[in-house]
Amino acid sequence: MAEVPDELVRLERSAEEERARLAGLTGEAYDAQWRRWREASDRVQAAITAHARESGAGRREVEEATKRAVRHAQEDPAVE
């Protein structure tokens, strides 16, 4: 798999940030945040599908590479 485009990494990171904001919420606040997370998740999924189609790569391969790139970028290099 070639390098993951920055746009996919940015979208995946945004979706993960929205998901993390669900913690501790209840009721209407939870429902509103859940919708924001789903919208962000839908955007990244659509971008992954489009990139896979354009590049000829497998969709699952693109999604896994994107998730790995986000996790790798969030790792603290000082912690081994």
PDB file of N, CA and C in Angstrom:
ATOM      1  N   MET A   1       0.848  -1.183   0.000  1.00  0.00           N
ATOM      2  CA  MET A   1       0.000   0.000   0.000  1.00  0.00           C
ATOM      3  C   MET A   1       0.884   1.234   0.000  1.00  0.00           C
ATOM      4  N   ALA A   2       0.576   2.147  -0.868  1.00  0.00           N
ATOM      5  CA  ALA A   2       1.301   3.406  -0.934  1.00  0.00           C
ATOM      6  C   ALA A   2       0.975   4.248   0.295  1.00  0.00           C
ATOM      7  N   GLU A   3       1.646   5.354   0.407  1.00  0.00           N
ATOM      8  CA  GLU A   3       1.411   6.250   1.535  1.00  0.00           C
ATOM      9  C   GLU A   3      -0.047   6.712   1.558  1.00  0.00           C
ATOM     10  N   VAL A   4      -0.587   6.817   2.740  1.00  0.00           N
ATOM     11  CA  VAL A   4      -1.970   7.247   2.917  1.00  0.00           C
ATOM     12  C   VAL A   4      -2.025   8.769   2.731  1.00  0.00           C
ATOM     13  N   PRO A   5      -2.934   9.247   1.893  1.00  0.00           N
ATOM     14  CA  PRO A   5      -3.049  10.698   1.695  1.00  0.00           C
ATOM     15  C   PRO A   5      -3.348  11.427   3.008  1.00  0.00           C
ATOM     16  N   ASP A   6      -2.774  12.595   3.158  1.00  0.00           N
ATOM     17  CA  ASP A   6      -2.975  13.402   4.367  1.00  0.00           C
ATOM     18  C   ASP A   6      -4.457  13.663   4.631  1.00  0.00           C
ATOM     19  N   GLU A   7      -5.235  13.835   3.571  1.00  0.00           N
ATOM     20  CA  GLU A   7      -6.663  14.115   3.735  1.00  0.00           C
ATOM     21  C   GLU A   7      -7.371  12.961   4.451  1.00  0.00           C
ATOM     22  N   LEU A   8      -7.009  11.720   4.114  1.00  0.00           N
ATOM     23  CA  LEU A   8      -7.625  10.573   4.790  1.00  0.00           C
ATOM     24  C   LEU A   8      -7.233  10.546   6.264  1.00  0.00           C
ATOM     25  N   VAL A   9      -5.987  10.827   6.541  1.00  0.00           N
ATOM     26  CA  VAL A   9      -5.521  10.853   7.935  1.00  0.00           C
ATOM     27  C   VAL A   9      -6.260  11.945   8.702  1.00  0.00           C
ATOM     28  N   ARG A  10      -6.402  13.116   8.084  1.00  0.00           N
ATOM     29  CA  ARG A  10      -7.082  14.224   8.748  1.00  0.00           C
ATOM     30  C   ARG A  10      -8.544  13.873   9.033  1.00  0.00           C
ATOM     31  N   LEU A  11      -9.219  13.277   8.062  1.00  0.00           N
ATOM     32  CA  LEU A  11     -10.623  12.901   8.250  1.00  0.00           C
ATOM     33  C   LEU A  11     -10.780  11.824   9.323  1.00  0.00           C
ATOM     34  N   GLU A  12      -9.906  10.827   9.314  1.00  0.00           N
ATOM     35  CA  GLU A  12      -9.977   9.755  10.322  1.00  0.00           C
ATOM     36  C   GLU A  12      -9.715  10.321  11.716  1.00  0.00           C
ATOM     37  N   ARG A  13      -8.734  11.186  11.825  1.00  0.00           N
ATOM     38  CA  ARG A  13      -8.423  11.797  13.119  1.00  0.00           C
ATOM     39  C   ARG A  13      -9.622  12.612  13.612  1.00  0.00           C
ATOM     40  N   SER A  14     -10.251  13.349  12.719  1.00  0.00           N
ATOM     41  CA  SER A  14     -11.421  14.137  13.083  1.00  0.00           C
ATOM     42  C   SER A  14     -12.556  13.241  13.587  1.00  0.00           C
ATOM     43  N   ALA A  15     -12.794  12.137  12.899  1.00  0.00           N
ATOM     44  CA  ALA A  15     -13.841  11.202  13.332  1.00  0.00           C
ATOM     45  C   ALA A  15     -13.521  10.622  14.702  1.00  0.00           C
ATOM     46  N   GLU A  16     -12.269  10.284  14.932  1.00  0.00           N
ATOM     47  CA  GLU A  16     -11.880   9.735  16.233  1.00  0.00           C
ATOM     48  C   GLU A  16     -12.027  10.773  17.337  1.00  0.00           C
ATOM     49  N   GLU A  17     -11.727  12.024  17.044  1.00  0.00           N
ATOM     50  CA  GLU A  17     -11.901  13.080  18.040  1.00  0.00           C
ATOM     51  C   GLU A  17     -13.378  13.260  18.390  1.00  0.00           C
ATOM     52  N   GLU A  18     -14.229  13.203  17.369  1.00  0.00           N
ATOM     53  CA  GLU A  18     -15.672  13.316  17.627  1.00  0.00           C
ATOM     54  C   GLU A  18     -16.172  12.128  18.453  1.00  0.00           C
ATOM     55  N   ARG A  19     -15.667  10.936  18.158  1.00  0.00           N
ATOM     56  CA  ARG A  19     -16.059   9.745  18.926  1.00  0.00           C
ATOM     57  C   ARG A  19     -15.632   9.885  20.380  1.00  0.00           C
ATOM     58  N   ALA A  20     -14.424  10.364  20.596  1.00  0.00           N
ATOM     59  CA  ALA A  20     -13.913  10.509  21.964  1.00  0.00           C
ATOM     60  C   ALA A  20     -14.746  11.493  22.777  1.00  0.00           C
ATOM     61  N   ARG A  21     -15.342  12.464  22.115  1.00  0.00           N
ATOM     62  CA  ARG A  21     -16.159  13.463  22.822  1.00  0.00           C
ATOM     63  C   ARG A  21     -17.470  12.892  23.345  1.00  0.00           C
ATOM     64  N   LEU A  22     -17.797  11.671  22.970  1.00  0.00           N
ATOM     65  CA  LEU A  22     -19.010  11.026  23.487  1.00  0.00           C
ATOM     66  C   LEU A  22     -18.878  10.657  24.963  1.00  0.00           C
ATOM     67  N   ALA A  23     -17.651  10.484  25.421  1.00  0.00           N
ATOM     68  CA  ALA A  23     -17.410  10.031  26.791  1.00  0.00           C
ATOM     69  C   ALA A  23     -18.065  10.967  27.803  1.00  0.00           C
ATOM     70  N   GLY A  24     -18.848  10.377  28.671  1.00  0.00           N
ATOM     71  CA  GLY A  24     -19.466  11.122  29.763  1.00  0.00           C
ATOM     72  C   GLY A  24     -20.740  11.859  29.409  1.00  0.00           C
ATOM     73  N   LEU A  25     -21.120  11.868  28.149  1.00  0.00           N
ATOM     74  CA  LEU A  25     -22.339  12.568  27.760  1.00  0.00           C
ATOM     75  C   LEU A  25     -23.553  11.662  27.937  1.00  0.00           C
ATOM     76  N   THR A  26     -24.685  12.280  28.163  1.00  0.00           N
ATOM     77  CA  THR A  26     -25.949  11.543  28.246  1.00  0.00           C
ATOM     78  C   THR A  26     -27.034  12.370  27.578  1.00  0.00           C
ATOM     79  N   GLY A  27     -28.153  11.724  27.358  1.00  0.00           N
ATOM     80  CA  GLY A  27     -29.341  12.421  26.865  1.00  0.00           C
ATOM     81  C   GLY A  27     -29.132  13.125  25.540  1.00  0.00           C
ATOM     82  N   GLU A  28     -29.675  14.347  25.466  1.00  0.00           N
ATOM     83  CA  GLU A  28     -29.621  15.121  24.226  1.00  0.00           C
ATOM     84  C   GLU A  28     -28.200  15.476  23.828  1.00  0.00           C
ATOM     85  N   ALA A  29     -27.342  15.753  24.811  1.00  0.00           N
ATOM     86  CA  ALA A  29     -25.947  16.078  24.497  1.00  0.00           C
ATOM     87  C   ALA A  29     -25.267  14.884  23.824  1.00  0.00           C
ATOM     88  N   TYR A  30     -25.538  13.681  24.335  1.00  0.00           N
ATOM     89  CA  TYR A  30     -24.984  12.464  23.733  1.00  0.00           C
ATOM     90  C   TYR A  30     -25.512  12.291  22.307  1.00  0.00           C
ATOM     91  N   ASP A  31     -26.819  12.459  22.138  1.00  0.00           N
ATOM     92  CA  ASP A  31     -27.434  12.283  20.818  1.00  0.00           C
ATOM     93  C   ASP A  31     -26.848  13.255  19.800  1.00  0.00           C
ATOM     94  N   ALA A  32     -26.664  14.510  20.198  1.00  0.00           N
ATOM     95  CA  ALA A  32     -26.109  15.514  19.292  1.00  0.00           C
ATOM     96  C   ALA A  32     -24.662  15.178  18.932  1.00  0.00           C
ATOM     97  N   GLN A  33     -23.880  14.772  19.937  1.00  0.00           N
ATOM     98  CA  GLN A  33     -22.481  14.422  19.671  1.00  0.00           C
ATOM     99  C   GLN A  33     -22.400  13.157  18.839  1.00  0.00           C
ATOM    100  N   TRP A  34     -23.285  12.204  19.070  1.00  0.00           N
ATOM    101  CA  TRP A  34     -23.303  10.972  18.286  1.00  0.00           C
ATOM    102  C   TRP A  34     -23.529  11.304  16.808  1.00  0.00           C
ATOM    103  N   ARG A  35     -24.439  12.242  16.543  1.00  0.00           N
ATOM    104  CA  ARG A  35     -24.686  12.650  15.145  1.00  0.00           C
ATOM    105  C   ARG A  35     -23.444  13.288  14.539  1.00  0.00           C
ATOM    106  N   ARG A  36     -22.738  14.117  15.313  1.00  0.00           N
ATOM    107  CA  ARG A  36     -21.497  14.728  14.801  1.00  0.00           C
ATOM    108  C   ARG A  36     -20.458  13.652  14.500  1.00  0.00           C
ATOM    109  N   TRP A  37     -20.345  12.663  15.389  1.00  0.00           N
ATOM    110  CA  TRP A  37     -19.404  11.567  15.154  1.00  0.00           C
ATOM    111  C   TRP A  37     -19.790  10.785  13.901  1.00  0.00           C
ATOM    112  N   ARG A  38     -21.076  10.439  13.751  1.00  0.00           N
ATOM    113  CA  ARG A  38     -21.525   9.666  12.583  1.00  0.00           C
ATOM    114  C   ARG A  38     -21.272  10.427  11.290  1.00  0.00           C
ATOM    115  N   GLU A  39     -21.503  11.733  11.304  1.00  0.00           N
ATOM    116  CA  GLU A  39     -21.240  12.534  10.107  1.00  0.00           C
ATOM    117  C   GLU A  39     -19.758  12.523   9.759  1.00  0.00           C
ATOM    118  N   ALA A  40     -18.909  12.668  10.759  1.00  0.00           N
ATOM    119  CA  ALA A  40     -17.463  12.624  10.521  1.00  0.00           C
ATOM    120  C   ALA A  40     -17.048  11.240  10.043  1.00  0.00           C
ATOM    121  N   SER A  41     -17.615  10.216  10.633  1.00  0.00           N
ATOM    122  CA  SER A  41     -17.312   8.842  10.228  1.00  0.00           C
ATOM    123  C   SER A  41     -17.771   8.580   8.795  1.00  0.00           C
ATOM    124  N   ASP A  42     -18.937   9.069   8.446  1.00  0.00           N
ATOM    125  CA  ASP A  42     -19.439   8.907   7.080  1.00  0.00           C
ATOM    126  C   ASP A  42     -18.520   9.597   6.073  1.00  0.00           C
ATOM    127  N   ARG A  43     -18.000  10.782   6.441  1.00  0.00           N
ATOM    128  CA  ARG A  43     -17.084  11.502   5.533  1.00  0.00           C
ATOM    129  C   ARG A  43     -15.811  10.702   5.297  1.00  0.00           C
ATOM    130  N   VAL A  44     -15.235  10.150   6.354  1.00  0.00           N
ATOM    131  CA  VAL A  44     -13.992   9.394   6.171  1.00  0.00           C
ATOM    132  C   VAL A  44     -14.255   8.113   5.393  1.00  0.00           C
ATOM    133  N   GLN A  45     -15.360   7.453   5.643  1.00  0.00           N
ATOM    134  CA  GLN A  45     -15.668   6.225   4.910  1.00  0.00           C
ATOM    135  C   GLN A  45     -15.854   6.510   3.421  1.00  0.00           C
ATOM    136  N   ALA A  46     -16.526   7.606   3.091  1.00  0.00           N
ATOM    137  CA  ALA A  46     -16.715   7.979   1.689  1.00  0.00           C
ATOM    138  C   ALA A  46     -15.373   8.304   1.030  1.00  0.00           C
ATOM    139  N   ALA A  47     -14.505   8.998   1.759  1.00  0.00           N
ATOM    140  CA  ALA A  47     -13.194   9.353   1.204  1.00  0.00           C
ATOM    141  C   ALA A  47     -12.334   8.107   1.012  1.00  0.00           C
ATOM    142  N   ILE A  48     -12.406   7.162   1.929  1.00  0.00           N
ATOM    143  CA  ILE A  48     -11.663   5.911   1.795  1.00  0.00           C
ATOM    144  C   ILE A  48     -12.142   5.153   0.567  1.00  0.00           C
ATOM    145  N   THR A  49     -13.450   5.067   0.400  1.00  0.00           N
ATOM    146  CA  THR A  49     -14.021   4.372  -0.754  1.00  0.00           C
ATOM    147  C   THR A  49     -13.569   5.034  -2.053  1.00  0.00           C
ATOM    148  N   ALA A  50     -13.630   6.361  -2.105  1.00  0.00           N
ATOM    149  CA  ALA A  50     -13.224   7.086  -3.314  1.00  0.00           C
ATOM    150  C   ALA A  50     -11.739   6.871  -3.600  1.00  0.00           C
ATOM    151  N   HIS A  51     -10.907   6.936  -2.570  1.00  0.00           N
ATOM    152  CA  HIS A  51      -9.465   6.751  -2.773  1.00  0.00           C
ATOM    153  C   HIS A  51      -9.167   5.333  -3.266  1.00  0.00           C
ATOM    154  N   ALA A  52      -9.832   4.366  -2.687  1.00  0.00           N
ATOM    155  CA  ALA A  52      -9.621   2.978  -3.123  1.00  0.00           C
ATOM    156  C   ALA A  52     -10.005   2.826  -4.589  1.00  0.00           C
ATOM    157  N   ARG A  53     -11.114   3.384  -4.965  1.00  0.00           N
ATOM    158  CA  ARG A  53     -11.581   3.300  -6.353  1.00  0.00           C
ATOM    159  C   ARG A  53     -10.572   3.977  -7.295  1.00  0.00           C
ATOM    160  N   GLU A  54     -10.116   5.177  -6.920  1.00  0.00           N
ATOM    161  CA  GLU A  54      -9.205   5.939  -7.771  1.00  0.00           C
ATOM    162  C   GLU A  54      -7.824   5.297  -7.872  1.00  0.00           C
ATOM    163  N   SER A  55      -7.372   4.698  -6.782  1.00  0.00           N
ATOM    164  CA  SER A  55      -6.019   4.138  -6.754  1.00  0.00           C
ATOM    165  C   SER A  55      -5.968   2.681  -7.202  1.00  0.00           C
ATOM    166  N   GLY A  56      -7.124   2.033  -7.242  1.00  0.00           N
ATOM    167  CA  GLY A  56      -7.152   0.620  -7.597  1.00  0.00           C
ATOM    168  C   GLY A  56      -6.813  -0.298  -6.432  1.00  0.00           C
ATOM    169  N   ALA A  57      -6.649   0.281  -5.250  1.00  0.00           N
ATOM    170  CA  ALA A  57      -6.345  -0.515  -4.049  1.00  0.00           C
ATOM    171  C   ALA A  57      -7.648  -1.064  -3.477  1.00  0.00           C
ATOM    172  N   GLY A  58      -7.527  -2.092  -2.665  1.00  0.00           N
ATOM    173  CA  GLY A  58      -8.696  -2.628  -1.984  1.00  0.00           C
ATOM    174  C   GLY A  58      -9.184  -1.657  -0.921  1.00  0.00           C
ATOM    175  N   ARG A  59     -10.492  -1.528  -0.810  1.00  0.00           N
ATOM    176  CA  ARG A  59     -11.062  -0.597   0.161  1.00  0.00           C
ATOM    177  C   ARG A  59     -10.627  -0.924   1.590  1.00  0.00           C
ATOM    178  N   ARG A  60     -10.673  -2.211   1.915  1.00  0.00           N
ATOM    179  CA  ARG A  60     -10.282  -2.626   3.267  1.00  0.00           C
ATOM    180  C   ARG A  60      -8.814  -2.289   3.531  1.00  0.00           C
ATOM    181  N   GLU A  61      -7.978  -2.488   2.533  1.00  0.00           N
ATOM    182  CA  GLU A  61      -6.553  -2.171   2.662  1.00  0.00           C
ATOM    183  C   GLU A  61      -6.357  -0.677   2.929  1.00  0.00           C
ATOM    184  N   VAL A  62      -7.091   0.157   2.211  1.00  0.00           N
ATOM    185  CA  VAL A  62      -6.990   1.609   2.400  1.00  0.00           C
ATOM    186  C   VAL A  62      -7.467   1.992   3.799  1.00  0.00           C
ATOM    187  N   GLU A  63      -8.587   1.413   4.231  1.00  0.00           N
ATOM    188  CA  GLU A  63      -9.105   1.736   5.565  1.00  0.00           C
ATOM    189  C   GLU A  63      -8.118   1.318   6.658  1.00  0.00           C
ATOM    190  N   GLU A  64      -7.574   0.119   6.555  1.00  0.00           N
ATOM    191  CA  GLU A  64      -6.620  -0.347   7.567  1.00  0.00           C
ATOM    192  C   GLU A  64      -5.359   0.511   7.577  1.00  0.00           C
ATOM    193  N   ALA A  65      -4.868   0.882   6.404  1.00  0.00           N
ATOM    194  CA  ALA A  65      -3.671   1.722   6.324  1.00  0.00           C
ATOM    195  C   ALA A  65      -3.944   3.104   6.919  1.00  0.00           C
ATOM    196  N   THR A  66      -5.138   3.616   6.695  1.00  0.00           N
ATOM    197  CA  THR A  66      -5.509   4.924   7.249  1.00  0.00           C
ATOM    198  C   THR A  66      -5.548   4.862   8.771  1.00  0.00           C
ATOM    199  N   LYS A  67      -6.169   3.831   9.314  1.00  0.00           N
ATOM    200  CA  LYS A  67      -6.241   3.686  10.770  1.00  0.00           C
ATOM    201  C   LYS A  67      -4.849   3.511  11.371  1.00  0.00           C
ATOM    202  N   ARG A  68      -3.996   2.717  10.706  1.00  0.00           N
ATOM    203  CA  ARG A  68      -2.614   2.558  11.184  1.00  0.00           C
ATOM    204  C   ARG A  68      -1.870   3.884  11.167  1.00  0.00           C
ATOM    205  N   ALA A  69      -2.039   4.662  10.103  1.00  0.00           N
ATOM    206  CA  ALA A  69      -1.354   5.950   9.992  1.00  0.00           C
ATOM    207  C   ALA A  69      -1.773   6.891  11.107  1.00  0.00           C
ATOM    208  N   VAL A  70      -3.063   6.892  11.448  1.00  0.00           N
ATOM    209  CA  VAL A  70      -3.544   7.762  12.527  1.00  0.00           C
ATOM    210  C   VAL A  70      -2.988   7.289  13.863  1.00  0.00           C
ATOM    211  N   ARG A  71      -3.043   5.991  14.106  1.00  0.00           N
ATOM    212  CA  ARG A  71      -2.502   5.463  15.367  1.00  0.00           C
ATOM    213  C   ARG A  71      -1.008   5.745  15.470  1.00  0.00           C
ATOM    214  N   HIS A  72      -0.284   5.548  14.386  1.00  0.00           N
ATOM    215  CA  HIS A  72       1.159   5.767  14.390  1.00  0.00           C
ATOM    216  C   HIS A  72       1.477   7.240  14.668  1.00  0.00           C
ATOM    217  N   ALA A  73       0.721   8.133  14.073  1.00  0.00           N
ATOM    218  CA  ALA A  73       0.957   9.565  14.263  1.00  0.00           C
ATOM    219  C   ALA A  73       0.658   9.995  15.693  1.00  0.00           C
ATOM    220  N   GLN A  74      -0.201   9.265  16.397  1.00  0.00           N
ATOM    221  CA  GLN A  74      -0.563   9.633  17.755  1.00  0.00           C
ATOM    222  C   GLN A  74       0.359   9.021  18.806  1.00  0.00           C
ATOM    223  N   GLU A  75       1.231   8.112  18.380  1.00  0.00           N
ATOM    224  CA  GLU A  75       2.143   7.495  19.340  1.00  0.00           C
ATOM    225  C   GLU A  75       3.194   8.505  19.778  1.00  0.00           C
ATOM    226  N   ASP A  76       3.559   8.433  21.034  1.00  0.00           N
ATOM    227  CA  ASP A  76       4.585   9.295  21.579  1.00  0.00           C
ATOM    228  C   ASP A  76       5.943   8.650  21.312  1.00  0.00           C
ATOM    229  N   PRO A  77       6.799   9.279  20.505  1.00  0.00           N
ATOM    230  CA  PRO A  77       8.087   8.667  20.175  1.00  0.00           C
ATOM    231  C   PRO A  77       9.010   8.543  21.390  1.00  0.00           C
ATOM    232  N   ALA A  78       8.724   9.283  22.452  1.00  0.00           N
ATOM    233  CA  ALA A  78       9.559   9.197  23.656  1.00  0.00           C
ATOM    234  C   ALA A  78       9.230   7.961  24.487  1.00  0.00           C
ATOM    235  N   VAL A  79       8.092   7.336  24.210  1.00  0.00           N
ATOM    236  CA  VAL A  79       7.683   6.158  24.978  1.00  0.00           C
ATOM    237  C   VAL A  79       7.994   4.929  24.165  1.00  0.00           C
ATOM    238  N   GLU A  80       8.820   4.075  24.691  1.00  0.00           N
ATOM    239  CA  GLU A  80       9.192   2.829  23.989  1.00  0.00           C
ATOM    240  C   GLU A  80       8.879   1.650  24.871  1.00  0.00           C
TER     241      GLU A  80
END
